[in-house]
PDB file of all heavy atoms in Angstrom:
ATOM      1  N   ILE A   1      53.281   1.809 -64.879  1.00  0.00           N
ATOM      2  CA  ILE A   1      52.590   0.577 -64.478  1.00  0.00           C
ATOM      3  C   ILE A   1      52.746   0.354 -62.977  1.00  0.00           C
ATOM      4  O   ILE A   1      51.788   0.003 -62.286  1.00  0.00           O
ATOM      5  CB  ILE A   1      53.108  -0.634 -65.291  1.00  0.00           C
ATOM      6  CG1 ILE A   1      52.680  -0.514 -66.756  1.00  0.00           C
ATOM      7  CG2 ILE A   1      52.602  -1.937 -64.683  1.00  0.00           C
ATOM      8  CD1 ILE A   1      53.253  -1.562 -67.668  1.00  0.00           C
ATOM      9  N   THR A   2      53.940   0.596 -62.437  1.00  0.00           N
ATOM     10  CA  THR A   2      54.180   0.439 -60.996  1.00  0.00           C
ATOM     11  C   THR A   2      53.305   1.393 -60.193  1.00  0.00           C
ATOM     12  O   THR A   2      52.668   1.012 -59.209  1.00  0.00           O
ATOM     13  CB  THR A   2      55.666   0.674 -60.663  1.00  0.00           C
ATOM     14  OG1 THR A   2      56.462  -0.232 -61.432  1.00  0.00           O
ATOM     15  CG2 THR A   2      55.934   0.468 -59.180  1.00  0.00           C
ATOM     16  N   ILE A   3      53.236   2.645 -60.629  1.00  0.00           N
ATOM     17  CA  ILE A   3      52.393   3.632 -59.937  1.00  0.00           C
ATOM     18  C   ILE A   3      50.924   3.224 -60.022  1.00  0.00           C
ATOM     19  O   ILE A   3      50.169   3.336 -59.045  1.00  0.00           O
ATOM     20  CB  ILE A   3      52.630   5.051 -60.520  1.00  0.00           C
ATOM     21  CG1 ILE A   3      54.036   5.522 -60.145  1.00  0.00           C
ATOM     22  CG2 ILE A   3      51.580   6.036 -60.023  1.00  0.00           C
ATOM     23  CD1 ILE A   3      54.462   6.802 -60.840  1.00  0.00           C
ATOM     24  N   ALA A   4      50.490   2.738 -61.188  1.00  0.00           N
ATOM     25  CA  ALA A   4      49.099   2.308 -61.362  1.00  0.00           C
ATOM     26  C   ALA A   4      48.771   1.135 -60.440  1.00  0.00           C
ATOM     27  O   ALA A   4      47.710   1.089 -59.812  1.00  0.00           O
ATOM     28  CB  ALA A   4      48.841   1.938 -62.818  1.00  0.00           C
ATOM     29  N   ILE A   5      49.694   0.187 -60.319  1.00  0.00           N
ATOM     30  CA  ILE A   5      49.478  -0.977 -59.444  1.00  0.00           C
ATOM     31  C   ILE A   5      49.415  -0.536 -57.995  1.00  0.00           C
ATOM     32  O   ILE A   5      48.541  -0.969 -57.232  1.00  0.00           O
ATOM     33  CB  ILE A   5      50.581  -2.039 -59.662  1.00  0.00           C
ATOM     34  CG1 ILE A   5      50.411  -2.699 -61.043  1.00  0.00           C
ATOM     35  CG2 ILE A   5      50.541  -3.097 -58.558  1.00  0.00           C
ATOM     36  CD1 ILE A   5      51.544  -3.621 -61.440  1.00  0.00           C
ATOM     37  N   ILE A   6      50.312   0.352 -57.586  1.00  0.00           N
ATOM     38  CA  ILE A   6      50.313   0.854 -56.199  1.00  0.00           C
ATOM     39  C   ILE A   6      49.001   1.604 -55.933  1.00  0.00           C
ATOM     40  O   ILE A   6      48.373   1.437 -54.887  1.00  0.00           O
ATOM     41  CB  ILE A   6      51.541   1.751 -55.941  1.00  0.00           C
ATOM     42  CG1 ILE A   6      52.818   0.898 -55.937  1.00  0.00           C
ATOM     43  CG2 ILE A   6      51.403   2.503 -54.623  1.00  0.00           C
ATOM     44  CD1 ILE A   6      54.114   1.688 -55.909  1.00  0.00           C
ATOM     45  N   GLY A   7      48.572   2.436 -56.899  1.00  0.00           N
ATOM     46  CA  GLY A   7      47.300   3.165 -56.753  1.00  0.00           C
ATOM     47  C   GLY A   7      46.118   2.222 -56.647  1.00  0.00           C
ATOM     48  O   GLY A   7      45.217   2.411 -55.819  1.00  0.00           O
ATOM     49  N   LEU A   8      46.098   1.191 -57.483  1.00  0.00           N
ATOM     50  CA  LEU A   8      45.008   0.202 -57.456  1.00  0.00           C
ATOM     51  C   LEU A   8      45.014  -0.552 -56.133  1.00  0.00           C
ATOM     52  O   LEU A   8      43.960  -0.764 -55.520  1.00  0.00           O
ATOM     53  CB  LEU A   8      45.169  -0.772 -58.630  1.00  0.00           C
ATOM     54  CG  LEU A   8      44.062  -1.808 -58.808  1.00  0.00           C
ATOM     55  CD1 LEU A   8      42.717  -1.127 -59.021  1.00  0.00           C
ATOM     56  CD2 LEU A   8      44.370  -2.715 -59.986  1.00  0.00           C
ATOM     57  N   PHE A   9      46.186  -0.935 -55.663  1.00  0.00           N
ATOM     58  CA  PHE A   9      46.307  -1.621 -54.373  1.00  0.00           C
ATOM     59  C   PHE A   9      45.799  -0.725 -53.245  1.00  0.00           C
ATOM     60  O   PHE A   9      45.092  -1.160 -52.349  1.00  0.00           O
ATOM     61  CB  PHE A   9      47.770  -2.035 -54.149  1.00  0.00           C
ATOM     62  CG  PHE A   9      47.982  -2.827 -52.898  1.00  0.00           C
ATOM     63  CD1 PHE A   9      47.493  -4.122 -52.778  1.00  0.00           C
ATOM     64  CD2 PHE A   9      48.671  -2.289 -51.814  1.00  0.00           C
ATOM     65  CE1 PHE A   9      47.694  -4.850 -51.621  1.00  0.00           C
ATOM     66  CE2 PHE A   9      48.867  -3.006 -50.645  1.00  0.00           C
ATOM     67  CZ  PHE A   9      48.384  -4.297 -50.549  1.00  0.00           C
ATOM     68  N   GLY A  10      46.175   0.565 -53.290  1.00  0.00           N
ATOM     69  CA  GLY A  10      45.703   1.533 -52.292  1.00  0.00           C
ATOM     70  C   GLY A  10      44.190   1.661 -52.316  1.00  0.00           C
ATOM     71  O   GLY A  10      43.534   1.735 -51.265  1.00  0.00           O
ATOM     72  N   MET A  11      43.596   1.667 -53.511  1.00  0.00           N
ATOM     73  CA  MET A  11      42.138   1.768 -53.647  1.00  0.00           C
ATOM     74  C   MET A  11      41.459   0.532 -53.060  1.00  0.00           C
ATOM     75  O   MET A  11      40.433   0.647 -52.377  1.00  0.00           O
ATOM     76  CB  MET A  11      41.756   1.932 -55.121  1.00  0.00           C
ATOM     77  CG  MET A  11      40.265   2.084 -55.352  1.00  0.00           C
ATOM     78  SD  MET A  11      39.537   3.517 -54.549  1.00  0.00           S
ATOM     79  CE  MET A  11      39.990   4.774 -55.692  1.00  0.00           C
ATOM     80  N   VAL A  12      42.005  -0.646 -53.297  1.00  0.00           N
ATOM     81  CA  VAL A  12      41.452  -1.887 -52.743  1.00  0.00           C
ATOM     82  C   VAL A  12      41.495  -1.846 -51.216  1.00  0.00           C
ATOM     83  O   VAL A  12      40.525  -2.199 -50.548  1.00  0.00           O
ATOM     84  CB  VAL A  12      42.204  -3.121 -53.299  1.00  0.00           C
ATOM     85  CG1 VAL A  12      41.836  -4.377 -52.527  1.00  0.00           C
ATOM     86  CG2 VAL A  12      41.907  -3.302 -54.782  1.00  0.00           C
ATOM     87  N   ILE A  13      42.609  -1.395 -50.652  1.00  0.00           N
ATOM     88  CA  ILE A  13      42.732  -1.297 -49.194  1.00  0.00           C
ATOM     89  C   ILE A  13      41.705  -0.300 -48.655  1.00  0.00           C
ATOM     90  O   ILE A  13      41.022  -0.562 -47.669  1.00  0.00           O
ATOM     91  CB  ILE A  13      44.166  -0.893 -48.786  1.00  0.00           C
ATOM     92  CG1 ILE A  13      45.121  -2.053 -49.068  1.00  0.00           C
ATOM     93  CG2 ILE A  13      44.225  -0.505 -47.315  1.00  0.00           C
ATOM     94  CD1 ILE A  13      46.586  -1.707 -48.865  1.00  0.00           C
ATOM     95  N   TYR A  14      41.573   0.850 -49.318  1.00  0.00           N
ATOM     96  CA  TYR A  14      40.597   1.866 -48.886  1.00  0.00           C
ATOM     97  C   TYR A  14      39.174   1.301 -48.901  1.00  0.00           C
ATOM     98  O   TYR A  14      38.414   1.477 -47.952  1.00  0.00           O
ATOM     99  CB  TYR A  14      40.696   3.094 -49.801  1.00  0.00           C
ATOM    100  CG  TYR A  14      39.629   4.113 -49.551  1.00  0.00           C
ATOM    101  CD1 TYR A  14      39.693   4.970 -48.456  1.00  0.00           C
ATOM    102  CD2 TYR A  14      38.529   4.218 -50.401  1.00  0.00           C
ATOM    103  CE1 TYR A  14      38.698   5.897 -48.209  1.00  0.00           C
ATOM    104  CE2 TYR A  14      37.528   5.138 -50.161  1.00  0.00           C
ATOM    105  CZ  TYR A  14      37.613   5.985 -49.069  1.00  0.00           C
ATOM    106  OH  TYR A  14      36.629   6.887 -48.831  1.00  0.00           O
ATOM    107  N   LEU A  15      38.791   0.627 -49.988  1.00  0.00           N
ATOM    108  CA  LEU A  15      37.442   0.056 -50.085  1.00  0.00           C
ATOM    109  C   LEU A  15      37.216  -1.037 -49.034  1.00  0.00           C
ATOM    110  O   LEU A  15      36.130  -1.143 -48.462  1.00  0.00           O
ATOM    111  CB  LEU A  15      37.201  -0.490 -51.495  1.00  0.00           C
ATOM    112  CG  LEU A  15      37.090   0.569 -52.592  1.00  0.00           C
ATOM    113  CD1 LEU A  15      36.978  -0.099 -53.959  1.00  0.00           C
ATOM    114  CD2 LEU A  15      35.916   1.497 -52.346  1.00  0.00           C
ATOM    115  N   ALA A  16      38.234  -1.819 -48.749  1.00  0.00           N
ATOM    116  CA  ALA A  16      38.109  -2.867 -47.725  1.00  0.00           C
ATOM    117  C   ALA A  16      37.889  -2.242 -46.352  1.00  0.00           C
ATOM    118  O   ALA A  16      37.067  -2.717 -45.564  1.00  0.00           O
ATOM    119  CB  ALA A  16      39.352  -3.749 -47.716  1.00  0.00           C
ATOM    120  N   ILE A  17      38.595  -1.161 -46.060  1.00  0.00           N
ATOM    121  CA  ILE A  17      38.421  -0.464 -44.768  1.00  0.00           C
ATOM    122  C   ILE A  17      37.018   0.116 -44.687  1.00  0.00           C
ATOM    123  O   ILE A  17      36.348   0.020 -43.650  1.00  0.00           O
ATOM    124  CB  ILE A  17      39.502   0.631 -44.601  1.00  0.00           C
ATOM    125  CG1 ILE A  17      40.876  -0.017 -44.393  1.00  0.00           C
ATOM    126  CG2 ILE A  17      39.163   1.556 -43.432  1.00  0.00           C
ATOM    127  CD1 ILE A  17      42.046   0.951 -44.455  1.00  0.00           C
ATOM    128  N   GLN A  18      36.532   0.724 -45.774  1.00  0.00           N
ATOM    129  CA  GLN A  18      35.177   1.293 -45.786  1.00  0.00           C
ATOM    130  C   GLN A  18      34.123   0.206 -45.574  1.00  0.00           C
ATOM    131  O   GLN A  18      33.160   0.396 -44.834  1.00  0.00           O
ATOM    132  CB  GLN A  18      34.921   2.019 -47.125  1.00  0.00           C
ATOM    133  CG  GLN A  18      35.700   3.290 -47.288  1.00  0.00           C
ATOM    134  CD  GLN A  18      35.304   4.333 -46.256  1.00  0.00           C
ATOM    135  OE1 GLN A  18      34.150   4.512 -45.948  1.00  0.00           O
ATOM    136  NE2 GLN A  18      36.301   4.999 -45.688  1.00  0.00           N
ATOM    137  N   LEU A  19      34.296  -0.953 -46.230  1.00  0.00           N
ATOM    138  CA  LEU A  19      33.347  -2.060 -46.086  1.00  0.00           C
ATOM    139  C   LEU A  19      33.333  -2.576 -44.656  1.00  0.00           C
ATOM    140  O   LEU A  19      32.272  -2.817 -44.075  1.00  0.00           O
ATOM    141  CB  LEU A  19      33.717  -3.185 -47.064  1.00  0.00           C
ATOM    142  CG  LEU A  19      32.811  -4.412 -47.039  1.00  0.00           C
ATOM    143  CD1 LEU A  19      31.386  -4.031 -47.429  1.00  0.00           C
ATOM    144  CD2 LEU A  19      33.339  -5.479 -47.988  1.00  0.00           C
ATOM    145  N   LYS A  20      34.518  -2.703 -44.069  1.00  0.00           N
ATOM    146  CA  LYS A  20      34.601  -3.165 -42.674  1.00  0.00           C
ATOM    147  C   LYS A  20      33.906  -2.175 -41.741  1.00  0.00           C
ATOM    148  O   LYS A  20      33.167  -2.571 -40.837  1.00  0.00           O
ATOM    149  CB  LYS A  20      36.066  -3.336 -42.281  1.00  0.00           C
ATOM    150  CG  LYS A  20      36.271  -3.958 -40.916  1.00  0.00           C
ATOM    151  CD  LYS A  20      37.744  -4.207 -40.651  1.00  0.00           C
ATOM    152  CE  LYS A  20      37.948  -4.870 -39.289  1.00  0.00           C
ATOM    153  NZ  LYS A  20      39.350  -5.130 -39.025  1.00  0.00           N
ATOM    154  N   SER A  21      34.064  -0.901 -41.972  1.00  0.00           N
ATOM    155  CA  SER A  21      33.439   0.140 -41.159  1.00  0.00           C
ATOM    156  C   SER A  21      31.912   0.083 -41.293  1.00  0.00           C
ATOM    157  O   SER A  21      31.188   0.168 -40.305  1.00  0.00           O
ATOM    158  CB  SER A  21      33.955   1.519 -41.589  1.00  0.00           C
ATOM    159  OG  SER A  21      33.265   2.540 -40.919  1.00  0.00           O
ATOM    160  N   LYS A  22      31.427  -0.079 -42.510  1.00  0.00           N
ATOM    161  CA  LYS A  22      29.970  -0.163 -42.734  1.00  0.00           C
ATOM    162  C   LYS A  22      29.394  -1.409 -42.078  1.00  0.00           C
ATOM    163  O   LYS A  22      28.296  -1.373 -41.511  1.00  0.00           O
ATOM    164  CB  LYS A  22      29.647  -0.169 -44.233  1.00  0.00           C
ATOM    165  CG  LYS A  22      29.994   1.103 -44.948  1.00  0.00           C
ATOM    166  CD  LYS A  22      29.185   2.278 -44.460  1.00  0.00           C
ATOM    167  CE  LYS A  22      29.566   3.543 -45.197  1.00  0.00           C
ATOM    168  NZ  LYS A  22      29.017   4.733 -44.614  1.00  0.00           N
ATOM    169  N   ASN A  23      30.113  -2.529 -42.144  1.00  0.00           N
ATOM    170  CA  ASN A  23      29.639  -3.756 -41.496  1.00  0.00           C
ATOM    171  C   ASN A  23      29.551  -3.581 -39.985  1.00  0.00           C
ATOM    172  O   ASN A  23      28.620  -4.063 -39.344  1.00  0.00           O
ATOM    173  CB  ASN A  23      30.537  -4.941 -41.841  1.00  0.00           C
ATOM    174  CG  ASN A  23      30.277  -5.463 -43.234  1.00  0.00           C
ATOM    175  OD1 ASN A  23      29.234  -5.213 -43.809  1.00  0.00           O
ATOM    176  ND2 ASN A  23      31.235  -6.177 -43.793  1.00  0.00           N
ATOM    177  N   LYS A  24      30.537  -2.887 -39.390  1.00  0.00           N
ATOM    178  CA  LYS A  24      30.495  -2.618 -37.948  1.00  0.00           C
ATOM    179  C   LYS A  24      29.301  -1.743 -37.600  1.00  0.00           C
ATOM    180  O   LYS A  24      28.610  -1.985 -36.616  1.00  0.00           O
ATOM    181  CB  LYS A  24      31.790  -1.947 -37.486  1.00  0.00           C
ATOM    182  CG  LYS A  24      32.955  -2.877 -37.342  1.00  0.00           C
ATOM    183  CD  LYS A  24      34.176  -2.135 -36.819  1.00  0.00           C
ATOM    184  CE  LYS A  24      35.382  -3.046 -36.703  1.00  0.00           C
ATOM    185  NZ  LYS A  24      36.569  -2.325 -36.235  1.00  0.00           N
TER     186      LYS A  24
END
């Protein structure tokens, strides 16, 4: 569960960075 949460958190951060890049 801890690994899954860390992975999910990492995915959210990655998607947020991609969205910010596309907006720029």
